[in-house]
Amino acid sequence: MSVTRHLTIFGKVQGVFFRESMRTEATRLGVTGWVRNCSDGTVEAMVQGTSEAVAAIIAWAQRGTKQAQVIKVEVTEGNGEHYSRFDKLPSV
């Protein structure tokens, strides 16, 4: 059973290789979806996969990269679209 969650990651999460590192980790975990920078300084992601894999990528997002300083991660229900891979999207 696949679950989908929307993440908003707050803190020093832009300019620290967060998106590329999240893409790499998501691919390793078998998580699909996307990640992008937002104009307010947050990073937004839609993650989809098994409940275990989604929990693992959320746990990763709460730590981030060595250079990141994650303050908090807001997790909400994601949309039901089916994602075939994990993409790094342009900033919004």
N, C-alpha and C. Protein backbone atom coordinates (compact mmCIF):
# COMPACT_ATOMS: atom_id res chain seq x y z
N MET A 1 0.84 -1.19 0.00
CA MET A 1 0.00 0.00 0.00
C MET A 1 0.89 1.25 0.00
N SER A 2 0.60 2.15 -0.91
CA SER A 2 1.38 3.36 -1.06
C SER A 2 0.73 4.51 -0.29
N VAL A 3 1.57 5.32 0.37
CA VAL A 3 1.10 6.52 1.04
C VAL A 3 1.79 7.73 0.43
N THR A 4 1.13 8.88 0.49
CA THR A 4 1.67 10.12 -0.05
C THR A 4 1.61 11.19 1.03
N ARG A 5 2.73 11.89 1.24
CA ARG A 5 2.80 12.96 2.22
C ARG A 5 3.44 14.19 1.60
N HIS A 6 2.93 15.35 2.03
CA HIS A 6 3.48 16.64 1.61
C HIS A 6 4.33 17.16 2.77
N LEU A 7 5.56 17.55 2.47
CA LEU A 7 6.47 18.05 3.50
C LEU A 7 6.82 19.51 3.23
N THR A 8 6.88 20.29 4.28
CA THR A 8 7.45 21.63 4.23
C THR A 8 8.56 21.65 5.27
N ILE A 9 9.79 21.92 4.80
CA ILE A 9 10.96 21.84 5.66
C ILE A 9 11.45 23.26 5.92
N PHE A 10 11.57 23.61 7.20
CA PHE A 10 11.97 24.95 7.62
C PHE A 10 13.38 24.93 8.19
N GLY A 11 14.08 26.05 8.05
CA GLY A 11 15.42 26.20 8.60
C GLY A 11 16.37 26.65 7.52
N LYS A 12 17.65 26.39 7.73
CA LYS A 12 18.66 26.67 6.72
C LYS A 12 18.72 25.43 5.82
N VAL A 13 17.87 25.43 4.79
CA VAL A 13 17.72 24.24 3.96
C VAL A 13 17.91 24.53 2.47
N GLN A 14 18.25 25.77 2.15
CA GLN A 14 18.55 26.11 0.75
C GLN A 14 20.03 26.46 0.66
N GLY A 15 20.64 26.08 -0.47
CA GLY A 15 22.06 26.35 -0.67
C GLY A 15 22.96 25.40 0.10
N VAL A 16 22.40 24.26 0.54
CA VAL A 16 23.18 23.29 1.32
C VAL A 16 23.04 21.87 0.74
N PHE A 17 22.74 21.78 -0.54
CA PHE A 17 22.58 20.51 -1.26
C PHE A 17 21.44 19.66 -0.73
N PHE A 18 20.44 20.30 -0.11
CA PHE A 18 19.33 19.56 0.49
C PHE A 18 18.53 18.81 -0.57
N ARG A 19 18.14 19.51 -1.66
CA ARG A 19 17.29 18.87 -2.68
C ARG A 19 17.98 17.69 -3.34
N GLU A 20 19.21 17.86 -3.76
CA GLU A 20 19.92 16.77 -4.44
C GLU A 20 20.15 15.60 -3.48
N SER A 21 20.49 15.91 -2.24
CA SER A 21 20.69 14.85 -1.25
C SER A 21 19.38 14.13 -0.95
N MET A 22 18.28 14.88 -0.90
CA MET A 22 16.98 14.25 -0.67
C MET A 22 16.59 13.36 -1.85
N ARG A 23 16.88 13.82 -3.07
CA ARG A 23 16.60 13.01 -4.25
C ARG A 23 17.38 11.70 -4.20
N THR A 24 18.65 11.78 -3.84
CA THR A 24 19.49 10.59 -3.73
C THR A 24 18.95 9.63 -2.68
N GLU A 25 18.60 10.15 -1.51
CA GLU A 25 18.09 9.31 -0.42
C GLU A 25 16.74 8.71 -0.78
N ALA A 26 15.86 9.50 -1.39
CA ALA A 26 14.55 8.99 -1.80
C ALA A 26 14.69 7.85 -2.80
N THR A 27 15.58 8.03 -3.76
CA THR A 27 15.82 6.98 -4.76
C THR A 27 16.33 5.71 -4.08
N ARG A 28 17.25 5.87 -3.12
CA ARG A 28 17.79 4.72 -2.39
C ARG A 28 16.68 3.99 -1.63
N LEU A 29 15.73 4.75 -1.08
CA LEU A 29 14.64 4.16 -0.29
C LEU A 29 13.47 3.65 -1.14
N GLY A 30 13.48 3.97 -2.44
CA GLY A 30 12.36 3.59 -3.30
C GLY A 30 11.18 4.53 -3.18
N VAL A 31 11.43 5.77 -2.75
CA VAL A 31 10.39 6.79 -2.61
C VAL A 31 10.32 7.59 -3.91
N THR A 32 9.11 7.88 -4.36
CA THR A 32 8.92 8.71 -5.54
C THR A 32 8.30 10.04 -5.12
N GLY A 33 8.26 11.00 -6.06
CA GLY A 33 7.67 12.31 -5.80
C GLY A 33 8.56 13.41 -6.33
N TRP A 34 8.67 14.49 -5.56
CA TRP A 34 9.48 15.62 -5.99
C TRP A 34 9.90 16.48 -4.79
N VAL A 35 10.88 17.36 -5.04
CA VAL A 35 11.36 18.31 -4.04
C VAL A 35 11.70 19.61 -4.76
N ARG A 36 11.45 20.76 -4.10
CA ARG A 36 11.79 22.05 -4.70
C ARG A 36 11.99 23.11 -3.62
N ASN A 37 12.78 24.14 -3.96
CA ASN A 37 12.96 25.30 -3.10
C ASN A 37 11.76 26.23 -3.27
N CYS A 38 11.38 26.91 -2.19
CA CYS A 38 10.31 27.90 -2.24
C CYS A 38 10.88 29.28 -1.96
N SER A 39 10.21 30.30 -2.47
CA SER A 39 10.70 31.67 -2.35
C SER A 39 10.77 32.15 -0.90
N ASP A 40 10.05 31.51 0.01
CA ASP A 40 10.09 31.92 1.43
C ASP A 40 11.23 31.28 2.20
N GLY A 41 12.12 30.53 1.50
CA GLY A 41 13.27 29.93 2.15
C GLY A 41 13.07 28.50 2.61
N THR A 42 11.85 27.99 2.48
CA THR A 42 11.59 26.59 2.84
C THR A 42 11.89 25.68 1.67
N VAL A 43 11.88 24.40 1.94
CA VAL A 43 11.92 23.38 0.89
C VAL A 43 10.62 22.60 1.00
N GLU A 44 10.01 22.34 -0.14
CA GLU A 44 8.74 21.62 -0.20
C GLU A 44 8.97 20.30 -0.93
N ALA A 45 8.31 19.25 -0.46
CA ALA A 45 8.46 17.94 -1.10
C ALA A 45 7.14 17.18 -1.05
N MET A 46 6.91 16.37 -2.06
CA MET A 46 5.81 15.41 -2.09
C MET A 46 6.49 14.05 -2.15
N VAL A 47 6.21 13.19 -1.17
CA VAL A 47 6.87 11.88 -1.12
C VAL A 47 5.82 10.79 -1.14
N GLN A 48 6.15 9.71 -1.85
CA GLN A 48 5.20 8.62 -2.01
C GLN A 48 5.94 7.29 -1.98
N GLY A 49 5.37 6.33 -1.29
CA GLY A 49 5.97 5.00 -1.21
C GLY A 49 5.32 4.20 -0.11
N THR A 50 5.97 3.12 0.30
CA THR A 50 5.43 2.34 1.41
C THR A 50 5.47 3.20 2.67
N SER A 51 4.66 2.85 3.65
CA SER A 51 4.64 3.64 4.88
C SER A 51 6.02 3.65 5.54
N GLU A 52 6.74 2.55 5.46
CA GLU A 52 8.08 2.48 6.05
C GLU A 52 9.06 3.39 5.32
N ALA A 53 9.03 3.37 3.98
CA ALA A 53 9.93 4.20 3.19
C ALA A 53 9.62 5.68 3.38
N VAL A 54 8.34 6.02 3.41
CA VAL A 54 7.95 7.42 3.62
C VAL A 54 8.37 7.88 5.01
N ALA A 55 8.20 7.04 6.02
CA ALA A 55 8.66 7.38 7.37
C ALA A 55 10.17 7.60 7.38
N ALA A 56 10.90 6.80 6.63
CA ALA A 56 12.36 6.93 6.58
C ALA A 56 12.78 8.23 5.90
N ILE A 57 12.12 8.64 4.82
CA ILE A 57 12.50 9.88 4.16
C ILE A 57 12.09 11.09 5.00
N ILE A 58 11.00 10.97 5.75
CA ILE A 58 10.62 12.06 6.67
C ILE A 58 11.68 12.19 7.77
N ALA A 59 12.13 11.06 8.30
CA ALA A 59 13.18 11.09 9.32
C ALA A 59 14.45 11.72 8.75
N TRP A 60 14.78 11.37 7.50
CA TRP A 60 15.96 11.98 6.86
C TRP A 60 15.76 13.48 6.74
N ALA A 61 14.58 13.93 6.32
CA ALA A 61 14.30 15.36 6.15
C ALA A 61 14.44 16.13 7.46
N GLN A 62 14.16 15.49 8.57
CA GLN A 62 14.29 16.14 9.87
C GLN A 62 15.75 16.38 10.24
N ARG A 63 16.67 15.65 9.62
CA ARG A 63 18.11 15.84 9.83
C ARG A 63 18.72 16.66 8.69
N GLY A 64 18.41 16.26 7.45
CA GLY A 64 18.97 16.92 6.27
C GLY A 64 20.44 16.62 6.07
N THR A 65 21.09 17.50 5.34
CA THR A 65 22.52 17.35 5.05
C THR A 65 23.34 17.88 6.23
N LYS A 66 24.64 17.64 6.18
CA LYS A 66 25.54 18.15 7.23
C LYS A 66 25.47 19.67 7.33
N GLN A 67 25.32 20.33 6.19
CA GLN A 67 25.31 21.80 6.16
C GLN A 67 23.96 22.40 6.56
N ALA A 68 22.91 21.61 6.49
CA ALA A 68 21.56 22.10 6.78
C ALA A 68 21.35 22.26 8.28
N GLN A 69 20.42 23.14 8.62
CA GLN A 69 19.98 23.31 10.00
C GLN A 69 18.45 23.27 9.97
N VAL A 70 17.90 22.08 10.07
CA VAL A 70 16.45 21.90 9.99
C VAL A 70 15.83 22.30 11.32
N ILE A 71 14.86 23.22 11.25
CA ILE A 71 14.15 23.66 12.45
C ILE A 71 12.93 22.78 12.69
N LYS A 72 12.16 22.55 11.62
CA LYS A 72 10.99 21.67 11.74
C LYS A 72 10.56 21.20 10.37
N VAL A 73 9.79 20.11 10.37
CA VAL A 73 9.22 19.56 9.14
C VAL A 73 7.72 19.41 9.39
N GLU A 74 6.93 20.13 8.60
CA GLU A 74 5.48 19.97 8.66
C GLU A 74 5.08 18.88 7.67
N VAL A 75 4.30 17.91 8.14
CA VAL A 75 3.89 16.78 7.31
C VAL A 75 2.37 16.79 7.24
N THR A 76 1.84 16.80 6.01
CA THR A 76 0.40 16.74 5.79
C THR A 76 0.11 15.65 4.76
N GLU A 77 -1.15 15.30 4.64
CA GLU A 77 -1.57 14.32 3.64
C GLU A 77 -1.23 14.86 2.25
N GLY A 78 -0.66 14.01 1.40
CA GLY A 78 -0.33 14.42 0.04
C GLY A 78 -1.44 14.05 -0.92
N ASN A 79 -1.30 14.52 -2.16
CA ASN A 79 -2.32 14.20 -3.16
C ASN A 79 -2.16 12.77 -3.66
N GLY A 80 -3.16 12.27 -4.33
CA GLY A 80 -3.17 10.88 -4.75
C GLY A 80 -2.52 10.58 -6.08
N GLU A 81 -1.89 11.57 -6.71
CA GLU A 81 -1.24 11.34 -7.99
C GLU A 81 -0.17 10.27 -7.85
N HIS A 82 0.02 9.47 -8.90
CA HIS A 82 1.06 8.43 -8.88
C HIS A 82 2.34 9.00 -9.49
N TYR A 83 3.42 8.92 -8.75
CA TYR A 83 4.73 9.40 -9.22
C TYR A 83 5.58 8.20 -9.60
N SER A 84 6.28 8.30 -10.71
CA SER A 84 7.07 7.17 -11.19
C SER A 84 8.54 7.28 -10.80
N ARG A 85 8.99 8.45 -10.35
CA ARG A 85 10.38 8.65 -9.93
C ARG A 85 10.42 9.84 -8.97
N PHE A 86 11.59 10.17 -8.47
CA PHE A 86 11.74 11.32 -7.58
C PHE A 86 12.48 12.41 -8.33
N ASP A 87 11.85 13.58 -8.49
CA ASP A 87 12.41 14.67 -9.28
C ASP A 87 12.79 15.86 -8.40
N LYS A 88 13.80 16.58 -8.85
CA LYS A 88 14.17 17.86 -8.25
C LYS A 88 13.56 18.92 -9.16
N LEU A 89 12.56 19.64 -8.69
CA LEU A 89 11.82 20.60 -9.51
C LEU A 89 12.43 22.00 -9.40
N PRO A 90 12.14 22.87 -10.39
CA PRO A 90 12.59 24.26 -10.29
C PRO A 90 11.97 24.95 -9.09
N SER A 91 12.64 25.97 -8.60
CA SER A 91 12.16 26.74 -7.46
C SER A 91 10.87 27.48 -7.78
N VAL A 92 10.06 27.71 -6.75
CA VAL A 92 8.83 28.51 -6.89
C VAL A 92 8.85 29.65 -5.91
